[in-house]
Amino acid sequence: MKFLTSEKLTIIGAAGMIGSNMAQSAILMGLSSNICLYDPYAKGLEGVAEELLQCGFKGVDITYTNSIEEALRGSKYIVTSGGAARKEGMTREDLLKGNAEVAIQFGKDVKQYCPDVKHVVVIFNPADITGLLVLLYSGLKPSQVSTLAALDSTRLRNELAKHFNIHPDKVANCRTYGGHGEQMAVFSSTATVDGKPLNSLIGTSALTDTAWNEIKEKVVQGGKKIIELRGRSSFQSPAYLSLEMIQAVMGGSAFDWPVGVYVSNKDFSNIMMAMETKLDKSGVHYQIVEGTTDEHKALQESYVHLCNLRDQLIQSGVIPAIDKWNSINANL
C-alpha cells in the first residue's frame, strides 16, 4: 500500500467513535505508514488497536499508548478528538468549560513533547474555542493549527441536494462561515445548484423563502438531528473530513471546504473561526470572505458570539486577557 508520508501521525481520542473511525480511515486513505493511537482509556484503546491489527493492513506500523508523552514524541501530524462528546439536549457551547481545560492541557503537552509538529487539527467542541486554546498554549504558529468547520458546509450541500432531488455533486461551493455552532453564518451567494446560482432560485417556486429558511435551520441543527437519530453525536463525518484536512497538509488532495483558522485583522481579531481557506504543506491560510450585506451581518453576529465565549473564559480566569497572550505564545 502506498502512503503519502512515513512521518508520524498521532490520533488523540482513538478509543472513541470518532478516533477509531479516524484510525481506520487514515490507513485506507493511505495517509501515513506510521500511525500512533492515544487515549487515556487503556482498555478501549487496546481493543481498537487489536481490531486494526487484525485487519491485516500491509505496510503500516500501528502503535498505541495511553502515555501522552509517548504518543506525541516525534509526531509531525496530530488530529485530536480528545474532549467530551456532545449528548442529546446539549449544544456545542455547553461543552465549553470542561473541554477548554482539556484543550489547554493538550496545547501544553504539544509544546513540551512535540514542538516540531507540522500541523494539528482540533475537532472536539466547541471547536472554535478549543482550537484557539490549543494554538495559544502550544506555542505554534497560526498556520499550524486548524479546526473542523466543514461539517456545516457539507450539511448544507446535503440538504440542498435532497430538496432539489439531485446528486450532491451537482451542488457546488456550499459555504458556512464563522462559528461551528448554532450562531454560524449560512451563505447562499457562493453556492450553485446544477449550475444555477442558489440566490437566483431562492424566493421562486423551486425554493421558496420559507423552504430556504427551513434548510438553513436544518443545517444549523444538523448535529442535533444526528444525536436524535443515532443516540450519539456525529462520528463518521467529522472523522473523514478532519483526515481530508490532514491529507491536504501532507501534500495530498486539496481540501475544498472552509476551515477554522486563527483570524486577526481589522474586522475580526484574536479568534478562531471558519473562513475561506487553503490548506497545503505550509499550513492553513485564509482570505477575506465575500458575500451580501445580510450575510456579512450574520458573520459579524457569529463572530460576536465566539468572542463572548472566549471572553467568558477570560472573565472566569481560565485563560488570561488577550494582551497577555503574546507572553504565552510569541506567534500571537
Protein backbone atom coordinates (compact mmCIF):
# COMPACT_ATOMS: atom_id res chain seq x y z
CA MET A 1 0.00 0.00 0.00
CA LYS A 2 1.30 3.45 -0.91
CA PHE A 3 1.26 6.20 1.71
CA LEU A 4 1.63 9.98 1.47
CA THR A 5 4.24 10.03 4.22
CA SER A 6 6.11 7.90 6.72
CA GLU A 7 6.09 10.74 9.27
CA LYS A 8 4.23 10.06 12.48
CA LEU A 9 0.50 10.76 12.54
CA THR A 10 -0.98 10.72 16.05
CA ILE A 11 -4.71 10.31 16.64
CA ILE A 12 -5.84 11.60 20.04
CA GLY A 13 -9.01 10.08 21.49
CA ALA A 14 -8.54 6.89 19.48
CA ALA A 15 -10.71 4.75 21.77
CA GLY A 16 -13.77 6.86 20.95
CA MET A 17 -16.07 6.55 17.97
CA ILE A 18 -14.53 9.48 16.06
CA GLY A 19 -10.97 8.42 16.84
CA SER A 20 -11.43 4.74 15.99
CA ASN A 21 -13.15 5.62 12.71
CA MET A 22 -10.36 8.05 12.02
CA ALA A 23 -7.68 5.44 12.64
CA GLN A 24 -9.12 3.00 10.12
CA SER A 25 -9.89 5.71 7.56
CA ALA A 26 -6.36 7.13 7.81
CA ILE A 27 -4.98 3.76 6.78
CA LEU A 28 -7.50 3.24 3.98
CA MET A 29 -6.77 6.74 2.67
CA GLY A 30 -3.05 5.97 2.62
CA LEU A 31 -2.07 8.94 4.75
CA SER A 32 0.85 7.66 6.82
CA SER A 33 2.65 4.36 7.29
CA ASN A 34 3.38 5.44 10.88
CA ILE A 35 0.20 5.84 12.95
CA CYS A 36 0.09 6.22 16.72
CA LEU A 37 -3.16 5.90 18.65
CA TYR A 38 -3.60 7.61 22.02
CA ASP A 39 -6.36 7.52 24.60
CA PRO A 40 -6.26 7.62 28.41
CA TYR A 41 -8.80 4.76 28.40
CA ALA A 42 -6.24 1.97 28.04
CA LYS A 43 -8.65 -0.97 27.75
CA GLY A 44 -10.75 0.58 24.99
CA LEU A 45 -7.64 1.77 23.20
CA GLU A 46 -6.17 -1.72 23.17
CA GLY A 47 -9.44 -3.00 21.72
CA VAL A 48 -9.30 -0.52 18.85
CA ALA A 49 -5.65 -1.32 18.18
CA GLU A 50 -6.28 -5.07 18.21
CA GLU A 51 -9.12 -4.70 15.71
CA LEU A 52 -6.95 -2.66 13.37
CA LEU A 53 -4.05 -5.07 13.65
CA GLN A 54 -6.41 -7.94 12.92
CA CYS A 55 -7.44 -6.24 9.66
CA GLY A 56 -4.10 -7.35 8.24
CA PHE A 57 -3.20 -3.99 6.72
CA LYS A 58 0.11 -4.08 4.87
CA GLY A 59 2.92 -1.55 5.06
CA VAL A 60 1.68 0.38 8.08
CA ASP A 61 3.13 0.49 11.59
CA ILE A 62 0.28 0.86 14.11
CA THR A 63 1.30 1.71 17.67
CA TYR A 64 -0.84 2.65 20.65
CA THR A 65 -0.28 4.10 24.10
CA ASN A 66 -2.07 5.76 27.00
CA SER A 67 1.03 7.88 27.66
CA ILE A 68 0.59 11.33 26.12
CA GLU A 69 4.36 11.85 26.11
CA GLU A 70 4.94 8.67 24.12
CA ALA A 71 2.09 9.49 21.76
CA LEU A 72 3.35 12.98 20.96
CA ARG A 73 7.12 12.41 20.85
CA GLY A 74 8.24 12.76 17.24
CA SER A 75 4.73 13.37 15.94
CA LYS A 76 4.51 15.55 12.83
CA TYR A 77 0.74 15.50 12.33
CA ILE A 78 -1.96 15.32 15.00
CA VAL A 79 -5.73 15.10 14.91
CA THR A 80 -7.44 15.38 18.26
CA SER A 81 -11.00 14.46 19.14
CA GLY A 82 -9.97 14.10 22.76
CA GLY A 83 -12.72 16.00 24.52
CA ALA A 84 -16.13 15.19 25.97
CA ALA A 85 -18.75 14.33 23.35
CA ARG A 86 -21.96 16.25 22.86
CA LYS A 87 -25.06 14.48 24.19
CA GLU A 88 -28.77 14.83 23.48
CA GLY A 89 -30.13 18.17 24.62
CA MET A 90 -26.70 19.82 24.61
CA THR A 91 -25.33 22.50 22.33
CA ARG A 92 -21.67 22.57 21.32
CA GLU A 93 -21.27 25.56 23.63
CA ASP A 94 -22.45 23.53 26.64
CA LEU A 95 -19.09 21.74 26.49
CA LEU A 96 -17.16 24.98 26.88
CA LYS A 97 -15.53 24.91 30.31
CA GLY A 98 -14.63 21.23 30.58
CA ASN A 99 -13.26 20.93 27.07
CA ALA A 100 -11.45 24.27 27.41
CA GLU A 101 -9.40 22.74 30.21
CA VAL A 102 -8.70 19.67 28.06
CA ALA A 103 -7.56 21.93 25.19
CA ILE A 104 -5.27 23.99 27.42
CA GLN A 105 -3.54 20.89 28.77
CA PHE A 106 -3.24 19.41 25.29
CA GLY A 107 -1.65 22.63 24.00
CA LYS A 108 0.87 22.49 26.83
CA ASP A 109 1.60 18.82 26.03
CA VAL A 110 2.26 19.66 22.39
CA LYS A 111 4.64 22.43 23.41
CA GLN A 112 6.52 20.12 25.77
CA TYR A 113 6.64 16.90 23.78
CA CYS A 114 6.43 17.74 20.06
CA PRO A 115 7.24 21.42 19.40
CA ASP A 116 8.35 20.44 15.88
CA VAL A 117 4.91 19.17 14.88
CA LYS A 118 3.87 20.37 11.43
CA HIS A 119 0.10 20.61 11.86
CA VAL A 120 -2.64 19.99 14.42
CA VAL A 121 -6.33 19.59 13.61
CA VAL A 122 -8.73 20.12 16.53
CA ILE A 123 -12.23 18.71 16.26
CA PHE A 124 -13.70 18.49 19.77
CA ASN A 125 -16.35 21.05 20.61
CA PRO A 126 -16.76 23.94 20.82
CA ALA A 127 -14.05 23.56 18.18
CA ASP A 128 -13.52 27.27 17.54
CA ILE A 129 -12.63 27.82 21.19
CA THR A 130 -10.77 24.57 21.83
CA GLY A 131 -8.71 25.17 18.71
CA LEU A 132 -7.91 28.69 19.85
CA LEU A 133 -6.72 27.39 23.22
CA VAL A 134 -4.59 24.66 21.67
CA LEU A 135 -2.95 27.30 19.49
CA LEU A 136 -2.42 29.66 22.43
CA TYR A 137 -0.78 27.12 24.73
CA SER A 138 1.12 25.06 22.14
CA GLY A 139 3.27 28.00 21.05
CA LEU A 140 2.66 27.05 17.42
CA LYS A 141 2.11 29.47 14.54
CA PRO A 142 -1.48 30.22 13.50
CA SER A 143 -0.84 28.41 10.21
CA GLN A 144 -0.11 25.20 12.15
CA VAL A 145 -3.46 24.77 13.91
CA SER A 146 -6.84 24.41 12.25
CA THR A 147 -10.29 23.27 13.34
CA LEU A 148 -13.03 21.27 11.70
CA ALA A 149 -15.70 23.58 10.31
CA ALA A 150 -16.53 21.87 7.01
CA LEU A 151 -19.26 19.72 8.51
CA ASP A 152 -21.72 22.61 8.41
CA SER A 153 -20.99 23.27 4.73
CA THR A 154 -21.34 19.60 3.79
CA ARG A 155 -24.66 19.55 5.64
CA LEU A 156 -25.82 22.49 3.52
CA ARG A 157 -24.82 20.58 0.38
CA ASN A 158 -26.74 17.55 1.59
CA GLU A 159 -29.91 19.49 2.40
CA LEU A 160 -29.91 21.27 -0.96
CA ALA A 161 -29.36 18.01 -2.82
CA LYS A 162 -32.32 16.45 -1.01
CA HIS A 163 -34.56 19.46 -1.63
CA PHE A 164 -33.84 19.56 -5.37
CA ASN A 165 -33.67 15.76 -5.64
CA ILE A 166 -30.34 15.85 -7.47
CA HIS A 167 -26.97 14.21 -6.95
CA PRO A 168 -24.91 16.07 -4.31
CA ASP A 169 -22.10 16.52 -6.87
CA LYS A 170 -24.40 18.92 -8.71
CA VAL A 171 -24.48 21.21 -5.66
CA ALA A 172 -21.28 23.23 -5.57
CA ASN A 173 -19.43 25.68 -3.33
CA CYS A 174 -21.71 25.48 -0.31
CA ARG A 175 -20.34 27.63 2.49
CA THR A 176 -20.96 28.38 6.14
CA TYR A 177 -18.57 30.72 7.91
CA GLY A 178 -17.94 32.00 11.41
CA GLY A 179 -18.63 29.68 14.31
CA HIS A 180 -19.09 25.92 14.24
CA GLY A 181 -22.23 26.26 16.33
CA GLU A 182 -25.79 27.47 16.24
CA GLN A 183 -24.62 31.02 15.50
CA MET A 184 -22.95 30.00 12.23
CA ALA A 185 -23.44 32.19 9.15
CA VAL A 186 -25.04 30.19 6.34
CA PHE A 187 -24.17 31.75 2.98
CA SER A 188 -26.25 31.36 -0.18
CA SER A 189 -24.34 33.71 -2.51
CA THR A 190 -21.44 31.27 -3.02
CA ALA A 191 -23.45 28.17 -3.96
CA THR A 192 -24.75 26.82 -7.26
CA VAL A 193 -27.35 24.12 -7.87
CA ASP A 194 -26.98 22.24 -11.13
CA GLY A 195 -25.01 25.20 -12.46
CA LYS A 196 -27.52 27.85 -11.36
CA PRO A 197 -26.69 30.40 -8.64
CA LEU A 198 -28.54 29.45 -5.48
CA ASN A 199 -29.58 33.08 -4.96
CA SER A 200 -31.44 33.03 -8.28
CA LEU A 201 -33.56 30.13 -7.01
CA ILE A 202 -34.40 31.44 -3.54
CA GLY A 203 -37.80 33.11 -3.50
CA THR A 204 -39.06 31.16 -6.51
CA SER A 205 -41.34 28.13 -6.71
CA ALA A 206 -38.20 25.97 -6.88
CA LEU A 207 -37.06 27.18 -3.45
CA THR A 208 -39.43 29.45 -1.57
CA ASP A 209 -38.15 31.76 1.15
CA THR A 210 -39.85 29.51 3.69
CA ALA A 211 -38.16 26.41 2.30
CA TRP A 212 -34.77 28.14 2.31
CA ASN A 213 -35.19 29.18 5.93
CA GLU A 214 -36.11 25.60 6.79
CA ILE A 215 -32.96 24.34 5.05
CA LYS A 216 -30.81 26.80 6.97
CA GLU A 217 -32.36 25.63 10.23
CA LYS A 218 -31.66 22.00 9.32
CA VAL A 219 -28.02 22.90 8.68
CA VAL A 220 -27.70 24.74 11.98
CA GLN A 221 -29.34 21.84 13.84
CA GLY A 222 -27.61 19.12 11.80
CA GLY A 223 -25.59 17.82 14.73
CA LYS A 224 -28.64 17.74 16.98
CA LYS A 225 -30.51 15.70 14.37
CA ILE A 226 -27.75 13.08 14.23
CA ILE A 227 -27.91 12.72 18.02
CA GLU A 228 -31.69 12.25 17.83
CA LEU A 229 -31.37 9.64 15.06
CA ARG A 230 -28.37 7.69 16.36
CA GLY A 231 -28.39 8.35 20.07
CA ARG A 232 -24.90 9.84 19.97
CA SER A 233 -23.05 12.69 18.28
CA SER A 234 -21.65 12.54 14.75
CA PHE A 235 -18.54 10.45 14.29
CA GLN A 236 -18.18 9.25 10.68
CA SER A 237 -18.38 12.68 9.04
CA PRO A 238 -16.02 14.53 11.42
CA ALA A 239 -13.54 11.63 11.26
CA TYR A 240 -13.39 11.67 7.47
CA LEU A 241 -13.38 15.43 6.96
CA SER A 242 -10.63 16.01 9.51
CA LEU A 243 -8.46 13.42 7.76
CA GLU A 244 -9.05 15.16 4.44
CA MET A 245 -7.67 18.28 6.14
CA ILE A 246 -4.52 16.48 7.28
CA GLN A 247 -4.21 14.89 3.85
CA ALA A 248 -4.05 18.35 2.25
CA VAL A 249 -1.36 19.49 4.69
CA MET A 250 0.62 16.35 3.91
CA GLY A 251 0.66 17.43 0.27
CA GLY A 252 -2.25 15.29 -0.89
CA SER A 253 -5.55 16.27 -2.50
CA ALA A 254 -6.79 19.81 -1.94
CA PHE A 255 -9.39 20.40 0.75
CA ASP A 256 -12.43 22.10 -0.78
CA TRP A 257 -14.27 23.27 2.33
CA PRO A 258 -13.91 26.09 4.88
CA VAL A 259 -11.55 25.51 7.78
CA GLY A 260 -11.48 27.03 11.24
CA VAL A 261 -8.43 29.31 11.37
CA TYR A 262 -6.96 31.93 13.69
CA VAL A 263 -8.08 35.32 12.45
CA SER A 264 -6.74 38.70 13.44
CA ASN A 265 -7.49 41.61 11.10
CA LYS A 266 -9.44 44.85 11.09
CA ASP A 267 -12.81 43.07 11.04
CA PHE A 268 -12.21 40.03 13.24
CA SER A 269 -9.46 39.62 15.79
CA ASN A 270 -7.99 37.11 18.24
CA ILE A 271 -10.45 34.37 17.44
CA MET A 272 -10.65 31.03 15.66
CA MET A 273 -13.46 30.86 13.10
CA ALA A 274 -14.39 29.37 9.74
CA MET A 275 -13.18 31.41 6.79
CA GLU A 276 -12.48 30.79 3.14
CA THR A 277 -9.23 28.88 3.48
CA LYS A 278 -6.48 26.95 1.77
CA LEU A 279 -4.58 24.04 3.29
CA ASP A 280 -1.21 22.96 1.93
CA LYS A 281 2.22 21.92 3.15
CA SER A 282 2.77 25.42 4.55
CA GLY A 283 -0.35 25.09 6.72
CA VAL A 284 -3.70 26.88 6.76
CA HIS A 285 -4.23 30.33 5.23
CA TYR A 286 -7.38 32.39 4.96
CA GLN A 287 -8.78 35.14 2.80
CA ILE A 288 -11.49 37.70 3.46
CA VAL A 289 -14.98 36.31 2.98
CA GLU A 290 -17.13 37.88 0.27
CA GLY A 291 -20.91 37.95 0.44
CA THR A 292 -24.07 40.02 0.63
CA THR A 293 -24.79 42.67 3.25
CA ASP A 294 -27.10 40.29 5.11
CA GLU A 295 -24.51 37.52 5.01
CA HIS A 296 -21.83 39.78 6.42
CA LYS A 297 -24.25 40.84 9.17
CA ALA A 298 -24.76 37.16 10.05
CA LEU A 299 -21.00 36.59 10.00
CA GLN A 300 -20.47 39.56 12.34
CA GLU A 301 -23.11 38.16 14.73
CA SER A 302 -21.35 34.79 14.68
CA TYR A 303 -18.03 36.47 15.43
CA VAL A 304 -19.55 38.36 18.39
CA HIS A 305 -20.92 35.07 19.73
CA LEU A 306 -17.46 33.48 19.56
CA CYS A 307 -15.90 36.49 21.26
CA ASN A 308 -18.44 36.15 24.06
CA LEU A 309 -17.45 32.51 24.58
CA ARG A 310 -13.77 33.47 24.59
CA ASP A 311 -14.41 36.32 27.00
CA GLN A 312 -16.32 34.04 29.38
CA LEU A 313 -13.11 32.05 29.80
CA ILE A 314 -11.11 35.24 30.35
CA GLN A 315 -13.57 36.60 32.92
CA SER A 316 -13.66 33.31 34.82
CA GLY A 317 -9.85 33.20 34.94
CA VAL A 318 -9.49 30.07 32.79
CA ILE A 319 -7.27 32.00 30.35
CA PRO A 320 -5.55 35.38 30.64
CA ALA A 321 -6.58 38.62 28.95
CA ILE A 322 -5.78 38.94 25.26
CA ASP A 323 -2.98 41.43 25.86
CA LYS A 324 -1.16 38.69 27.80
CA TRP A 325 -1.37 36.09 25.04
CA ASN A 326 1.90 37.07 23.41
CA SER A 327 3.75 36.15 26.61
CA ILE A 328 2.34 32.61 26.28
CA ASN A 329 2.72 32.28 22.51
CA ALA A 330 5.12 34.68 20.80
CA ASN A 331 3.43 33.93 17.45
CA LEU A 332 0.24 35.69 18.51
